[in-house]
Amino acid sequence: MVNIRRSEYERLRQALREIREERRLSQFDVAHRLEHRIKQEQISRYERGERRLDVVELLDICRALEVWLGEVLDRANLDWRQGGPEGKPGYEATPRHKPRR
Protein backbone atom coordinates (compact mmCIF):
# COMPACT_ATOMS: atom_id res chain seq x y z
CA MET A 1 0.00 0.00 0.00
CA VAL A 2 1.22 3.51 -0.86
CA ASN A 3 1.81 5.89 2.03
CA ILE A 4 0.02 9.15 1.14
CA ARG A 5 1.88 10.93 3.96
CA ARG A 6 5.25 10.61 2.19
CA SER A 7 6.95 13.94 1.66
CA GLU A 8 6.71 13.53 -2.12
CA TYR A 9 2.90 13.37 -1.94
CA GLU A 10 2.82 16.33 0.44
CA ARG A 11 4.90 18.43 -1.94
CA LEU A 12 2.84 17.37 -4.96
CA ARG A 13 -0.42 18.23 -3.18
CA GLN A 14 0.97 21.60 -2.15
CA ALA A 15 2.16 22.39 -5.69
CA LEU A 16 -1.22 21.53 -7.23
CA ARG A 17 -3.10 23.56 -4.66
CA GLU A 18 -0.80 26.58 -5.10
CA ILE A 19 -1.22 26.46 -8.88
CA ARG A 20 -5.00 26.18 -8.54
CA GLU A 21 -5.09 29.16 -6.19
CA GLU A 22 -2.73 31.23 -8.39
CA ARG A 23 -5.16 30.69 -11.26
CA ARG A 24 -7.98 31.77 -8.95
CA LEU A 25 -9.85 28.54 -9.49
CA SER A 26 -11.99 26.90 -6.84
CA GLN A 27 -12.07 23.15 -6.39
CA PHE A 28 -15.51 23.26 -7.99
CA ASP A 29 -14.06 25.12 -11.02
CA VAL A 30 -11.50 22.35 -11.49
CA ALA A 31 -14.18 19.66 -11.18
CA HIS A 32 -16.34 21.54 -13.69
CA ARG A 33 -13.46 21.75 -16.18
CA LEU A 34 -13.09 18.00 -15.79
CA GLU A 35 -16.79 17.56 -16.49
CA HIS A 36 -17.03 16.15 -12.95
CA ARG A 37 -14.95 13.05 -13.78
CA ILE A 38 -13.24 14.04 -10.55
CA LYS A 39 -15.71 15.53 -8.10
CA GLN A 40 -15.03 18.61 -5.97
CA GLU A 41 -15.18 16.45 -2.85
CA GLN A 42 -12.43 14.21 -4.24
CA ILE A 43 -10.25 17.22 -5.01
CA SER A 44 -10.80 18.48 -1.46
CA ARG A 45 -9.88 15.10 0.03
CA TYR A 46 -6.75 14.96 -2.10
CA GLU A 47 -5.66 18.44 -1.09
CA ARG A 48 -6.17 17.53 2.58
CA GLY A 49 -4.12 14.36 2.17
CA GLU A 50 -7.04 11.98 2.69
CA ARG A 51 -6.76 10.30 -0.72
CA ARG A 52 -4.21 9.97 -3.46
CA LEU A 53 -4.48 10.66 -7.15
CA ASP A 54 -3.73 8.03 -9.72
CA VAL A 55 -1.65 9.06 -12.72
CA VAL A 56 -4.69 9.55 -14.99
CA GLU A 57 -6.33 11.86 -12.43
CA LEU A 58 -3.08 13.78 -12.05
CA LEU A 59 -2.88 14.32 -15.81
CA ASP A 60 -6.54 15.39 -15.92
CA ILE A 61 -5.96 17.93 -13.15
CA CYS A 62 -2.90 19.28 -14.98
CA ARG A 63 -5.07 19.80 -18.06
CA ALA A 64 -7.77 21.52 -16.00
CA LEU A 65 -5.16 23.80 -14.43
CA GLU A 66 -3.55 24.40 -17.84
CA VAL A 67 -0.12 23.47 -16.55
CA TRP A 68 2.51 21.05 -17.82
CA LEU A 69 3.07 18.03 -15.60
CA GLY A 70 6.81 18.77 -15.61
CA GLU A 71 6.14 22.22 -14.15
CA VAL A 72 4.10 20.69 -11.32
CA LEU A 73 6.82 18.13 -10.60
CA ASP A 74 9.52 20.83 -10.69
CA ARG A 75 7.54 23.00 -8.28
CA ALA A 76 7.15 20.02 -5.96
CA ASN A 77 10.93 19.47 -6.15
CA LEU A 78 10.46 15.97 -7.52
CA ASP A 79 13.36 14.75 -9.67
CA TRP A 80 11.21 13.51 -12.52
CA ARG A 81 14.03 13.67 -15.06
CA GLN A 82 16.16 11.16 -13.20
CA GLY A 83 16.79 8.04 -15.26
CA GLY A 84 15.24 9.49 -18.42
CA PRO A 85 17.00 10.58 -21.59
CA GLU A 86 18.66 13.95 -21.12
CA GLY A 87 17.06 16.85 -22.90
CA LYS A 88 13.77 15.01 -23.46
CA PRO A 89 10.62 16.63 -22.10
CA GLY A 90 8.37 14.83 -19.67
CA TYR A 91 4.72 14.20 -20.42
CA GLU A 92 3.02 17.39 -21.53
CA ALA A 93 -0.61 17.62 -20.53
CA THR A 94 -2.21 19.59 -23.34
CA PRO A 95 -4.57 22.26 -21.98
CA ARG A 96 -8.16 21.84 -23.15
CA HIS A 97 -9.41 25.21 -21.95
CA LYS A 98 -8.47 28.77 -22.78
CA PRO A 99 -6.71 30.54 -19.89
CA ARG A 100 -8.80 32.89 -17.78
CA ARG A 101 -7.90 36.54 -18.02
PDB file of N, CA and C in Angstrom:
ATOM      1  N   MET A   1       0.837  -1.181   0.000  1.00  0.00           N
ATOM      2  CA  MET A   1       0.000   0.000   0.000  1.00  0.00           C
ATOM      3  C   MET A   1       0.885   1.249   0.000  1.00  0.00           C
ATOM      4  N   VAL A   2       0.470   2.268  -0.732  1.00  0.00           N
ATOM      5  CA  VAL A   2       1.223   3.507  -0.856  1.00  0.00           C
ATOM      6  C   VAL A   2       0.917   4.418   0.327  1.00  0.00           C
ATOM      7  N   ASN A   3       1.966   4.976   0.904  1.00  0.00           N
ATOM      8  CA  ASN A   3       1.811   5.894   2.028  1.00  0.00           C
ATOM      9  C   ASN A   3       1.560   7.305   1.487  1.00  0.00           C
ATOM     10  N   ILE A   4       0.338   7.821   1.658  1.00  0.00           N
ATOM     11  CA  ILE A   4       0.017   9.152   1.136  1.00  0.00           C
ATOM     12  C   ILE A   4       0.585  10.263   2.009  1.00  0.00           C
ATOM     13  N   ARG A   5       1.246   9.929   3.088  1.00  0.00           N
ATOM     14  CA  ARG A   5       1.879  10.926   3.958  1.00  0.00           C
ATOM     15  C   ARG A   5       3.354  11.128   3.609  1.00  0.00           C
ATOM     16  N   ARG A   6       3.854  10.423   2.597  1.00  0.00           N
ATOM     17  CA  ARG A   6       5.246  10.607   2.186  1.00  0.00           C
ATOM     18  C   ARG A   6       5.458  12.055   1.768  1.00  0.00           C
ATOM     19  N   SER A   7       6.661  12.532   1.971  1.00  0.00           N
ATOM     20  CA  SER A   7       6.951  13.935   1.664  1.00  0.00           C
ATOM     21  C   SER A   7       6.718  14.254   0.188  1.00  0.00           C
ATOM     22  N   GLU A   8       6.934  13.282  -0.696  1.00  0.00           N
ATOM     23  CA  GLU A   8       6.707  13.525  -2.124  1.00  0.00           C
ATOM     24  C   GLU A   8       5.238  13.841  -2.403  1.00  0.00           C
ATOM     25  N   TYR A   9       4.332  13.106  -1.775  1.00  0.00           N
ATOM     26  CA  TYR A   9       2.897  13.371  -1.944  1.00  0.00           C
ATOM     27  C   TYR A   9       2.522  14.727  -1.353  1.00  0.00           C
ATOM     28  N   GLU A  10       3.100  15.037  -0.196  1.00  0.00           N
ATOM     29  CA  GLU A  10       2.821  16.327   0.439  1.00  0.00           C
ATOM     30  C   GLU A  10       3.226  17.473  -0.488  1.00  0.00           C
ATOM     31  N   ARG A  11       4.421  17.370  -1.061  1.00  0.00           N
ATOM     32  CA  ARG A  11       4.905  18.435  -1.943  1.00  0.00           C
ATOM     33  C   ARG A  11       4.076  18.514  -3.221  1.00  0.00           C
ATOM     34  N   LEU A  12       3.668  17.376  -3.757  1.00  0.00           N
ATOM     35  CA  LEU A  12       2.839  17.365  -4.964  1.00  0.00           C
ATOM     36  C   LEU A  12       1.480  17.999  -4.684  1.00  0.00           C
ATOM     37  N   ARG A  13       0.871  17.635  -3.557  1.00  0.00           N
ATOM     38  CA  ARG A  13      -0.422  18.232  -3.180  1.00  0.00           C
ATOM     39  C   ARG A  13      -0.301  19.745  -3.034  1.00  0.00           C
ATOM     40  N   GLN A  14       0.759  20.168  -2.366  1.00  0.00           N
ATOM     41  CA  GLN A  14       0.971  21.602  -2.148  1.00  0.00           C
ATOM     42  C   GLN A  14       1.143  22.328  -3.477  1.00  0.00           C
ATOM     43  N   ALA A  15       1.928  21.758  -4.383  1.00  0.00           N
ATOM     44  CA  ALA A  15       2.157  22.394  -5.688  1.00  0.00           C
ATOM     45  C   ALA A  15       0.853  22.525  -6.467  1.00  0.00           C
ATOM     46  N   LEU A  16       0.048  21.473  -6.498  1.00  0.00           N
ATOM     47  CA  LEU A  16      -1.219  21.528  -7.235  1.00  0.00           C
ATOM     48  C   LEU A  16      -2.169  22.555  -6.623  1.00  0.00           C
ATOM     49  N   ARG A  17      -2.212  22.593  -5.313  1.00  0.00           N
ATOM     50  CA  ARG A  17      -3.097  23.562  -4.659  1.00  0.00           C
ATOM     51  C   ARG A  17      -2.639  24.999  -4.936  1.00  0.00           C
ATOM     52  N   GLU A  18      -1.330  25.243  -4.834  1.00  0.00           N
ATOM     53  CA  GLU A  18      -0.802  26.583  -5.103  1.00  0.00           C
ATOM     54  C   GLU A  18      -1.122  27.024  -6.530  1.00  0.00           C
ATOM     55  N   ILE A  19      -0.939  26.133  -7.483  1.00  0.00           N
ATOM     56  CA  ILE A  19      -1.220  26.462  -8.884  1.00  0.00           C
ATOM     57  C   ILE A  19      -2.705  26.762  -9.057  1.00  0.00           C
ATOM     58  N   ARG A  20      -3.553  25.945  -8.442  1.00  0.00           N
ATOM     59  CA  ARG A  20      -5.001  26.182  -8.542  1.00  0.00           C
ATOM     60  C   ARG A  20      -5.351  27.557  -7.977  1.00  0.00           C
ATOM     61  N   GLU A  21      -4.793  27.882  -6.822  1.00  0.00           N
ATOM     62  CA  GLU A  21      -5.091  29.165  -6.185  1.00  0.00           C
ATOM     63  C   GLU A  21      -4.513  30.339  -6.980  1.00  0.00           C
ATOM     64  N   GLU A  22      -3.320  30.173  -7.557  1.00  0.00           N
ATOM     65  CA  GLU A  22      -2.734  31.231  -8.388  1.00  0.00           C
ATOM     66  C   GLU A  22      -3.614  31.543  -9.599  1.00  0.00           C
ATOM     67  N   ARG A  23      -4.277  30.519 -10.104  1.00  0.00           N
ATOM     68  CA  ARG A  23      -5.160  30.695 -11.257  1.00  0.00           C
ATOM     69  C   ARG A  23      -6.567  31.130 -10.835  1.00  0.00           C
ATOM     70  N   ARG A  24      -6.711  31.323  -9.531  1.00  0.00           N
ATOM     71  CA  ARG A  24      -7.984  31.769  -8.951  1.00  0.00           C
ATOM     72  C   ARG A  24      -9.135  30.836  -9.315  1.00  0.00           C
ATOM     73  N   LEU A  25      -8.839  29.555  -9.235  1.00  0.00           N
ATOM     74  CA  LEU A  25      -9.851  28.535  -9.488  1.00  0.00           C
ATOM     75  C   LEU A  25     -10.250  27.894  -8.168  1.00  0.00           C
ATOM     76  N   SER A  26     -11.526  27.657  -8.000  1.00  0.00           N
ATOM     77  CA  SER A  26     -11.994  26.899  -6.841  1.00  0.00           C
ATOM     78  C   SER A  26     -11.879  25.414  -7.170  1.00  0.00           C
ATOM     79  N   GLN A  27     -12.030  24.598  -6.152  1.00  0.00           N
ATOM     80  CA  GLN A  27     -12.066  23.152  -6.391  1.00  0.00           C
ATOM     81  C   GLN A  27     -13.230  22.811  -7.308  1.00  0.00           C
ATOM     82  N   PHE A  28     -14.349  23.494  -7.128  1.00  0.00           N
ATOM     83  CA  PHE A  28     -15.506  23.259  -7.993  1.00  0.00           C
ATOM     84  C   PHE A  28     -15.182  23.624  -9.441  1.00  0.00           C
ATOM     85  N   ASP A  29     -14.451  24.730  -9.660  1.00  0.00           N
ATOM     86  CA  ASP A  29     -14.061  25.121 -11.017  1.00  0.00           C
ATOM     87  C   ASP A  29     -13.254  24.013 -11.689  1.00  0.00           C
ATOM     88  N   VAL A  30     -12.321  23.434 -10.945  1.00  0.00           N
ATOM     89  CA  VAL A  30     -11.498  22.354 -11.494  1.00  0.00           C
ATOM     90  C   VAL A  30     -12.377  21.157 -11.836  1.00  0.00           C
ATOM     91  N   ALA A  31     -13.267  20.785 -10.920  1.00  0.00           N
ATOM     92  CA  ALA A  31     -14.182  19.659 -11.178  1.00  0.00           C
ATOM     93  C   ALA A  31     -15.042  19.940 -12.407  1.00  0.00           C
ATOM     94  N   HIS A  32     -15.511  21.168 -12.536  1.00  0.00           N
ATOM     95  CA  HIS A  32     -16.341  21.539 -13.689  1.00  0.00           C
ATOM     96  C   HIS A  32     -15.548  21.419 -14.991  1.00  0.00           C
ATOM     97  N   ARG A  33     -14.307  21.879 -14.988  1.00  0.00           N
ATOM     98  CA  ARG A  33     -13.462  21.754 -16.180  1.00  0.00           C
ATOM     99  C   ARG A  33     -13.238  20.296 -16.553  1.00  0.00           C
ATOM    100  N   LEU A  34     -13.270  19.438 -15.557  1.00  0.00           N
ATOM    101  CA  LEU A  34     -13.087  18.000 -15.790  1.00  0.00           C
ATOM    102  C   LEU A  34     -14.415  17.303 -16.059  1.00  0.00           C
ATOM    103  N   GLU A  35     -15.451  18.094 -16.254  1.00  0.00           N
ATOM    104  CA  GLU A  35     -16.793  17.561 -16.492  1.00  0.00           C
ATOM    105  C   GLU A  35     -17.191  16.589 -15.387  1.00  0.00           C
ATOM    106  N   HIS A  36     -16.720  16.894 -14.185  1.00  0.00           N
ATOM    107  CA  HIS A  36     -17.034  16.153 -12.954  1.00  0.00           C
ATOM    108  C   HIS A  36     -16.579  14.692 -12.989  1.00  0.00           C
ATOM    109  N   ARG A  37     -15.570  14.384 -13.844  1.00  0.00           N
ATOM    110  CA  ARG A  37     -14.954  13.049 -13.783  1.00  0.00           C
ATOM    111  C   ARG A  37     -14.259  12.876 -12.434  1.00  0.00           C
ATOM    112  N   ILE A  38     -13.747  13.988 -11.917  1.00  0.00           N
ATOM    113  CA  ILE A  38     -13.237  14.036 -10.545  1.00  0.00           C
ATOM    114  C   ILE A  38     -14.103  15.066  -9.840  1.00  0.00           C
ATOM    115  N   LYS A  39     -14.776  14.648  -8.800  1.00  0.00           N
ATOM    116  CA  LYS A  39     -15.710  15.528  -8.096  1.00  0.00           C
ATOM    117  C   LYS A  39     -14.962  16.501  -7.180  1.00  0.00           C
ATOM    118  N   GLN A  40     -15.617  17.608  -6.862  1.00  0.00           N
ATOM    119  CA  GLN A  40     -15.032  18.613  -5.974  1.00  0.00           C
ATOM    120  C   GLN A  40     -14.641  17.990  -4.644  1.00  0.00           C
ATOM    121  N   GLU A  41     -15.468  17.095  -4.138  1.00  0.00           N
ATOM    122  CA  GLU A  41     -15.179  16.453  -2.850  1.00  0.00           C
ATOM    123  C   GLU A  41     -13.893  15.633  -2.927  1.00  0.00           C
ATOM    124  N   GLN A  42     -13.651  14.995  -4.072  1.00  0.00           N
ATOM    125  CA  GLN A  42     -12.431  14.209  -4.244  1.00  0.00           C
ATOM    126  C   GLN A  42     -11.206  15.122  -4.294  1.00  0.00           C
ATOM    127  N   ILE A  43     -11.349  16.264  -4.956  1.00  0.00           N
ATOM    128  CA  ILE A  43     -10.246  17.225  -5.012  1.00  0.00           C
ATOM    129  C   ILE A  43      -9.940  17.733  -3.604  1.00  0.00           C
ATOM    130  N   SER A  44     -10.969  18.029  -2.833  1.00  0.00           N
ATOM    131  CA  SER A  44     -10.797  18.484  -1.459  1.00  0.00           C
ATOM    132  C   SER A  44     -10.080  17.424  -0.623  1.00  0.00           C
ATOM    133  N   ARG A  45     -10.513  16.184  -0.738  1.00  0.00           N
ATOM    134  CA  ARG A  45      -9.884  15.099   0.032  1.00  0.00           C
ATOM    135  C   ARG A  45      -8.427  14.920  -0.372  1.00  0.00           C
ATOM    136  N   TYR A  46      -8.131  15.069  -1.657  1.00  0.00           N
ATOM    137  CA  TYR A  46      -6.747  14.958  -2.102  1.00  0.00           C
ATOM    138  C   TYR A  46      -5.908  16.098  -1.508  1.00  0.00           C
ATOM    139  N   GLU A  47      -6.419  17.300  -1.606  1.00  0.00           N
ATOM    140  CA  GLU A  47      -5.658  18.443  -1.095  1.00  0.00           C
ATOM    141  C   GLU A  47      -5.433  18.359   0.410  1.00  0.00           C
ATOM    142  N   ARG A  48      -6.328  17.701   1.129  1.00  0.00           N
ATOM    143  CA  ARG A  48      -6.166  17.526   2.584  1.00  0.00           C
ATOM    144  C   ARG A  48      -5.321  16.306   2.924  1.00  0.00           C
ATOM    145  N   GLY A  49      -4.936  15.538   1.930  1.00  0.00           N
ATOM    146  CA  GLY A  49      -4.116  14.358   2.172  1.00  0.00           C
ATOM    147  C   GLY A  49      -4.902  13.140   2.599  1.00  0.00           C
ATOM    148  N   GLU A  50      -6.188  13.108   2.295  1.00  0.00           N
ATOM    149  CA  GLU A  50      -7.037  11.983   2.685  1.00  0.00           C
ATOM    150  C   GLU A  50      -7.195  10.947   1.576  1.00  0.00           C
ATOM    151  N   ARG A  51      -6.732  11.266   0.388  1.00  0.00           N
ATOM    152  CA  ARG A  51      -6.756  10.303  -0.719  1.00  0.00           C
ATOM    153  C   ARG A  51      -5.601  10.640  -1.642  1.00  0.00           C
ATOM    154  N   ARG A  52      -5.266   9.698  -2.492  1.00  0.00           N
ATOM    155  CA  ARG A  52      -4.208   9.970  -3.456  1.00  0.00           C
ATOM    156  C   ARG A  52      -4.794   9.987  -4.857  1.00  0.00           C
ATOM    157  N   LEU A  53      -4.078  10.623  -5.754  1.00  0.00           N
ATOM    158  CA  LEU A  53      -4.480  10.659  -7.154  1.00  0.00           C
ATOM    159  C   LEU A  53      -3.764   9.551  -7.898  1.00  0.00           C
ATOM    160  N   ASP A  54      -4.464   8.924  -8.835  1.00  0.00           N
ATOM    161  CA  ASP A  54      -3.729   8.032  -9.721  1.00  0.00           C
ATOM    162  C   ASP A  54      -3.165   8.879 -10.854  1.00  0.00           C
ATOM    163  N   VAL A  55      -2.349   8.300 -11.684  1.00  0.00           N
ATOM    164  CA  VAL A  55      -1.654   9.064 -12.719  1.00  0.00           C
ATOM    165  C   VAL A  55      -2.629   9.687 -13.717  1.00  0.00           C
ATOM    166  N   VAL A  56      -3.707   9.005 -14.049  1.00  0.00           N
ATOM    167  CA  VAL A  56      -4.686   9.553 -14.992  1.00  0.00           C
ATOM    168  C   VAL A  56      -5.369  10.777 -14.386  1.00  0.00           C
ATOM    169  N   GLU A  57      -5.729  10.707 -13.107  1.00  0.00           N
ATOM    170  CA  GLU A  57      -6.335  11.861 -12.434  1.00  0.00           C
ATOM    171  C   GLU A  57      -5.356  13.031 -12.375  1.00  0.00           C
ATOM    172  N   LEU A  58      -4.095  12.737 -12.100  1.00  0.00           N
ATOM    173  CA  LEU A  58      -3.078  13.784 -12.053  1.00  0.00           C
ATOM    174  C   LEU A  58      -2.974  14.488 -13.403  1.00  0.00           C
ATOM    175  N   LEU A  59      -2.957  13.726 -14.475  1.00  0.00           N
ATOM    176  CA  LEU A  59      -2.882  14.324 -15.812  1.00  0.00           C
ATOM    177  C   LEU A  59      -4.130  15.139 -16.118  1.00  0.00           C
ATOM    178  N   ASP A  60      -5.291  14.636 -15.718  1.00  0.00           N
ATOM    179  CA  ASP A  60      -6.536  15.389 -15.919  1.00  0.00           C
ATOM    180  C   ASP A  60      -6.496  16.721 -15.170  1.00  0.00           C
ATOM    181  N   ILE A  61      -6.023  16.697 -13.937  1.00  0.00           N
ATOM    182  CA  ILE A  61      -5.959  17.926 -13.153  1.00  0.00           C
ATOM    183  C   ILE A  61      -4.964  18.905 -13.778  1.00  0.00           C
ATOM    184  N   CYS A  62      -3.848  18.401 -14.287  1.00  0.00           N
ATOM    185  CA  CYS A  62      -2.903  19.281 -14.981  1.00  0.00           C
ATOM    186  C   CYS A  62      -3.572  19.955 -16.175  1.00  0.00           C
ATOM    187  N   ARG A  63      -4.353  19.211 -16.917  1.00  0.00           N
ATOM    188  CA  ARG A  63      -5.071  19.801 -18.056  1.00  0.00           C
ATOM    189  C   ARG A  63      -6.055  20.870 -17.577  1.00  0.00           C
ATOM    190  N   ALA A  64      -6.789  20.565 -16.525  1.00  0.00           N
ATOM    191  CA  ALA A  64      -7.774  21.523 -16.003  1.00  0.00           C
ATOM    192  C   ALA A  64      -7.093  22.795 -15.501  1.00  0.00           C
ATOM    193  N   LEU A  65      -5.900  22.653 -14.939  1.00  0.00           N
ATOM    194  CA  LEU A  65      -5.156  23.802 -14.429  1.00  0.00           C
ATOM    195  C   LEU A  65      -4.338  24.488 -15.520  1.00  0.00           C
ATOM    196  N   GLU A  66      -4.313  23.870 -16.708  1.00  0.00           N
ATOM    197  CA  GLU A  66      -3.552  24.401 -17.839  1.00  0.00           C
ATOM    198  C   GLU A  66      -2.080  24.557 -17.482  1.00  0.00           C
ATOM    199  N   VAL A  67      -1.516  23.478 -16.970  1.00  0.00           N
ATOM    200  CA  VAL A  67      -0.119  23.467 -16.550  1.00  0.00           C
ATOM    201  C   VAL A  67       0.518  22.169 -17.040  1.00  0.00           C
ATOM    202  N   TRP A  68       1.790  22.250 -17.413  1.00  0.00           N
ATOM    203  CA  TRP A  68       2.509  21.049 -17.818  1.00  0.00           C
ATOM    204  C   TRP A  68       2.828  20.222 -16.574  1.00  0.00           C
ATOM    205  N   LEU A  69       2.749  18.921 -16.718  1.00  0.00           N
ATOM    206  CA  LEU A  69       3.072  18.032 -15.601  1.00  0.00           C
ATOM    207  C   LEU A  69       4.490  18.297 -15.101  1.00  0.00           C
ATOM    208  N   GLY A  70       5.431  18.493 -16.011  1.00  0.00           N
ATOM    209  CA  GLY A  70       6.814  18.769 -15.612  1.00  0.00           C
ATOM    210  C   GLY A  70       6.933  19.989 -14.721  1.00  0.00           C
ATOM    211  N   GLU A  71       6.127  21.014 -14.984  1.00  0.00           N
ATOM    212  CA  GLU A  71       6.142  22.221 -14.151  1.00  0.00           C
ATOM    213  C   GLU A  71       5.657  21.908 -12.736  1.00  0.00           C
ATOM    214  N   VAL A  72       4.623  21.081 -12.639  1.00  0.00           N
ATOM    215  CA  VAL A  72       4.104  20.688 -11.321  1.00  0.00           C
ATOM    216  C   VAL A  72       5.172  19.907 -10.566  1.00  0.00           C
ATOM    217  N   LEU A  73       5.804  18.952 -11.245  1.00  0.00           N
ATOM    218  CA  LEU A  73       6.824  18.132 -10.595  1.00  0.00           C
ATOM    219  C   LEU A  73       8.032  18.977 -10.196  1.00  0.00           C
ATOM    220  N   ASP A  74       8.413  19.931 -11.047  1.00  0.00           N
ATOM    221  CA  ASP A  74       9.518  20.831 -10.687  1.00  0.00           C
ATOM    222  C   ASP A  74       9.168  21.648  -9.453  1.00  0.00           C
ATOM    223  N   ARG A  75       7.958  22.181  -9.417  1.00  0.00           N
ATOM    224  CA  ARG A  75       7.542  23.003  -8.281  1.00  0.00           C
ATOM    225  C   ARG A  75       7.518  22.178  -6.996  1.00  0.00           C
ATOM    226  N   ALA A  76       7.188  20.907  -7.122  1.00  0.00           N
ATOM    227  CA  ALA A  76       7.148  20.016  -5.959  1.00  0.00           C
ATOM    228  C   ALA A  76       8.537  19.473  -5.614  1.00  0.00           C
ATOM    229  N   ASN A  77       9.556  19.929  -6.351  1.00  0.00           N
ATOM    230  CA  ASN A  77      10.934  19.469  -6.148  1.00  0.00           C
ATOM    231  C   ASN A  77      11.063  17.959  -6.265  1.00  0.00           C
ATOM    232  N   LEU A  78      10.360  17.394  -7.246  1.00  0.00           N
ATOM    233  CA  LEU A  78      10.462  15.966  -7.523  1.00  0.00           C
ATOM    234  C   LEU A  78      11.370  15.786  -8.731  1.00  0.00           C
ATOM    235  N   ASP A  79      12.381  14.933  -8.602  1.00  0.00           N
ATOM    236  CA  ASP A  79      13.361  14.747  -9.668  1.00  0.00           C
ATOM    237  C   ASP A  79      12.794  13.802 -10.713  1.00  0.00           C
ATOM    238  N   TRP A  80      11.906  14.332 -11.533  1.00  0.00           N
ATOM    239  CA  TRP A  80      11.211  13.512 -12.522  1.00  0.00           C
ATOM    240  C   TRP A  80      12.067  13.215 -13.735  1.00  0.00           C
ATOM    241  N   ARG A  81      13.168  13.911 -13.906  1.00  0.00           N
ATOM    242  CA  ARG A  81      14.030  13.669 -15.064  1.00  0.00           C
ATOM    243  C   ARG A  81      15.028  12.548 -14.800  1.00  0.00           C
ATOM    244  N   GLN A  82      15.181  12.172 -13.566  1.00  0.00           N
ATOM    245  CA  GLN A  82      16.160  11.159 -13.197  1.00  0.00           C
ATOM    246  C   GLN A  82      15.889   9.863 -13.946  1.00  0.00           C
ATOM    247  N   GLY A  83      16.912   9.328 -14.570  1.00  0.00           N
ATOM    248  CA  GLY A  83      16.791   8.045 -15.256  1.00  0.00           C
ATOM    249  C   GLY A  83      16.256   8.148 -16.673  1.00  0.00           C
ATOM    250  N   GLY A  84      15.771   9.312 -17.071  1.00  0.00           N
ATOM    251  CA  GLY A  84      15.245   9.487 -18.422  1.00  0.00           C
ATOM    252  C   GLY A  84      16.307  10.057 -19.341  1.00  0.00           C
ATOM    253  N   PRO A  85      16.034  10.026 -20.646  1.00  0.00           N
ATOM    254  CA  PRO A  85      16.998  10.580 -21.591  1.00  0.00           C
ATOM    255  C   PRO A  85      17.158  12.083 -21.389  1.00  0.00           C
ATOM    256  N   GLU A  86      18.384  12.531 -21.358  1.00  0.00           N
ATOM    257  CA  GLU A  86      18.656  13.947 -21.120  1.00  0.00           C
ATOM    258  C   GLU A  86      18.124  14.803 -22.267  1.00  0.00           C
ATOM    259  N   GLY A  87      17.569  15.932 -21.894  1.00  0.00           N
ATOM    260  CA  GLY A  87      17.060  16.845 -22.900  1.00  0.00           C
ATOM    261  C   GLY A  87      15.679  16.510 -23.423  1.00  0.00           C
ATOM    262  N   LYS A  88      15.113  15.403 -23.008  1.00  0.00           N
ATOM    263  CA  LYS A  88      13.773  15.013 -23.460  1.00  0.00           C
ATOM    264  C   LYS A  88      12.744  15.566 -22.489  1.00  0.00           C
ATOM    265  N   PRO A  89      11.652  16.125 -23.003  1.00  0.00           N
ATOM    266  CA  PRO A  89      10.618  16.630 -22.100  1.00  0.00           C
ATOM    267  C   PRO A  89       9.851  15.489 -21.461  1.00  0.00           C
ATOM    268  N   GLY A  90       9.274  15.786 -20.294  1.00  0.00           N
ATOM    269  CA  GLY A  90       8.374  14.829 -19.671  1.00  0.00           C
ATOM    270  C   GLY A  90       7.034  14.865 -20.376  1.00  0.00           C
ATOM    271  N   TYR A  91       6.070  14.199 -19.848  1.00  0.00           N
ATOM    272  CA  TYR A  91       4.724  14.200 -20.419  1.00  0.00           C
ATOM    273  C   TYR A  91       4.186  15.615 -20.392  1.00  0.00           C
ATOM    274  N   GLU A  92       3.614  16.060 -21.480  1.00  0.00           N
ATOM    275  CA  GLU A  92       3.025  17.390 -21.534  1.00  0.00           C
ATOM    276  C   GLU A  92       1.519  17.257 -21.613  1.00  0.00           C
ATOM    277  N   ALA A  93       0.854  17.670 -20.562  1.00  0.00           N
ATOM    278  CA  ALA A  93      -0.607  17.621 -20.529  1.00  0.00           C
ATOM    279  C   ALA A  93      -1.131  18.802 -21.332  1.00  0.00           C
ATOM    280  N   THR A  94      -1.732  18.532 -22.459  1.00  0.00           N
ATOM    281  CA  THR A  94      -2.212  19.591 -23.337  1.00  0.00           C
ATOM    282  C   THR A  94      -3.449  20.248 -22.752  1.00  0.00           C
ATOM    283  N   PRO A  95      -3.397  21.566 -22.522  1.00  0.00           N
ATOM    284  CA  PRO A  95      -4.572  22.257 -21.983  1.00  0.00           C
ATOM    285  C   PRO A  95      -5.762  22.142 -22.924  1.00  0.00           C
ATOM    286  N   ARG A  96      -6.936  21.941 -22.364  1.00  0.00           N
ATOM    287  CA  ARG A  96      -8.162  21.844 -23.147  1.00  0.00           C
ATOM    288  C   ARG A  96      -8.982  23.123 -23.073  1.00  0.00           C
ATOM    289  N   HIS A  97      -8.616  24.009 -22.182  1.00  0.00           N
ATOM    290  CA  HIS A  97      -9.405  25.215 -21.951  1.00  0.00           C
ATOM    291  C   HIS A  97      -8.546  26.441 -22.196  1.00  0.00           C
ATOM    292  N   LYS A  98      -9.177  27.505 -22.621  1.00  0.00           N
ATOM    293  CA  LYS A  98      -8.470  28.770 -22.778  1.00  0.00           C
ATOM    294  C   LYS A  98      -8.202  29.347 -21.393  1.00  0.00           C
ATOM    295  N   PRO A  99      -7.015  29.947 -21.201  1.00  0.00           N
ATOM    296  CA  PRO A  99      -6.710  30.544 -19.894  1.00  0.00           C
ATOM    297  C   PRO A  99      -7.686  31.662 -19.554  1.00  0.00           C
ATOM    298  N   ARG A 100      -7.983  31.781 -18.268  1.00  0.00           N
ATOM    299  CA  ARG A 100      -8.805  32.891 -17.782  1.00  0.00           C
ATOM    300  C   ARG A 100      -7.978  34.154 -17.788  1.00  0.00           C
ATOM    301  N   ARG A 101      -8.606  35.246 -18.046  1.00  0.00           N
ATOM    302  CA  ARG A 101      -7.895  36.538 -18.017  1.00  0.00           C
ATOM    303  C   ARG A 101      -8.495  37.423 -16.981  1.00  0.00           C
TER     304      ARG A 101
END
